[in-house]
């Protein structure tokens, strides 16, 4: 049986990356919330 999570870096970045978050108002709020919380990684784009 094929599992639901099939990792793909480009798809992950497109859906949850910094630019895609910045485009929407909810996404901007998400980034702001994570900044307030003091997260080291704001989005998946920060993973290296």
C-alpha atoms as a PDB file:
ATOM      1  CA  UNK A   1       0.000   0.000   0.000  1.00  0.00           C
ATOM      2  CA  UNK A   2       1.265   3.465  -0.892  1.00  0.00           C
ATOM      3  CA  UNK A   3       1.618   5.806   2.081  1.00  0.00           C
ATOM      4  CA  UNK A   4       0.113   9.297   2.196  1.00  0.00           C
ATOM      5  CA  UNK A   5       3.381  11.202   2.705  1.00  0.00           C
ATOM      6  CA  UNK A   6       5.596  11.041  -0.374  1.00  0.00           C
ATOM      7  CA  UNK A   7       8.365  13.607   0.320  1.00  0.00           C
ATOM      8  CA  UNK A   8       9.126  16.121  -2.424  1.00  0.00           C
ATOM      9  CA  UNK A   9      11.257  19.204  -1.718  1.00  0.00           C
ATOM     10  CA  UNK A  10       9.883  21.424  -4.479  1.00  0.00           C
ATOM     11  CA  UNK A  11       6.227  20.698  -3.672  1.00  0.00           C
ATOM     12  CA  UNK A  12       6.891  21.252   0.035  1.00  0.00           C
ATOM     13  CA  UNK A  13       8.566  24.616  -0.634  1.00  0.00           C
ATOM     14  CA  UNK A  14       5.785  25.743  -2.988  1.00  0.00           C
ATOM     15  CA  UNK A  15       3.027  24.979  -0.489  1.00  0.00           C
ATOM     16  CA  UNK A  16       4.696  25.943   2.796  1.00  0.00           C
ATOM     17  CA  UNK A  17       7.614  28.151   1.767  1.00  0.00           C
ATOM     18  CA  UNK A  18       8.238  31.724   2.874  1.00  0.00           C
ATOM     19  CA  UNK A  19       7.054  33.337  -0.365  1.00  0.00           C
ATOM     20  CA  UNK A  20       3.797  31.370  -0.483  1.00  0.00           C
ATOM     21  CA  UNK A  21       3.147  32.275   3.174  1.00  0.00           C
ATOM     22  CA  UNK A  22       3.875  35.955   2.502  1.00  0.00           C
ATOM     23  CA  UNK A  23       1.362  36.093  -0.350  1.00  0.00           C
ATOM     24  CA  UNK A  24      -1.738  35.572   1.828  1.00  0.00           C
ATOM     25  CA  UNK A  25      -2.960  37.522   4.846  1.00  0.00           C
ATOM     26  CA  UNK A  26      -3.316  34.344   6.916  1.00  0.00           C
ATOM     27  CA  UNK A  27       0.182  33.319   5.895  1.00  0.00           C
ATOM     28  CA  UNK A  28       1.596  36.661   7.045  1.00  0.00           C
ATOM     29  CA  UNK A  29      -0.166  36.135  10.389  1.00  0.00           C
ATOM     30  CA  UNK A  30       1.383  32.678  10.621  1.00  0.00           C
ATOM     31  CA  UNK A  31       4.883  34.103  10.111  1.00  0.00           C
ATOM     32  CA  UNK A  32       4.203  36.879  12.644  1.00  0.00           C
ATOM     33  CA  UNK A  33       2.966  34.325  15.205  1.00  0.00           C
ATOM     34  CA  UNK A  34       6.060  32.194  14.749  1.00  0.00           C
ATOM     35  CA  UNK A  35       8.272  35.308  15.096  1.00  0.00           C
ATOM     36  CA  UNK A  36       6.528  36.200  18.376  1.00  0.00           C
ATOM     37  CA  UNK A  37       6.959  32.673  19.656  1.00  0.00           C
ATOM     38  CA  UNK A  38      10.665  32.888  18.806  1.00  0.00           C
ATOM     39  CA  UNK A  39      10.788  30.023  16.337  1.00  0.00           C
ATOM     40  CA  UNK A  40      14.188  29.404  14.801  1.00  0.00           C
ATOM     41  CA  UNK A  41      12.564  28.225  11.572  1.00  0.00           C
ATOM     42  CA  UNK A  42       9.658  30.385  10.399  1.00  0.00           C
ATOM     43  CA  UNK A  43       8.854  28.304   7.324  1.00  0.00           C
ATOM     44  CA  UNK A  44      10.153  25.189   5.571  1.00  0.00           C
ATOM     45  CA  UNK A  45      12.320  27.528   3.445  1.00  0.00           C
ATOM     46  CA  UNK A  46      14.541  28.034   6.490  1.00  0.00           C
ATOM     47  CA  UNK A  47      15.502  24.351   6.546  1.00  0.00           C
ATOM     48  CA  UNK A  48      18.944  23.690   5.133  1.00  0.00           C
END
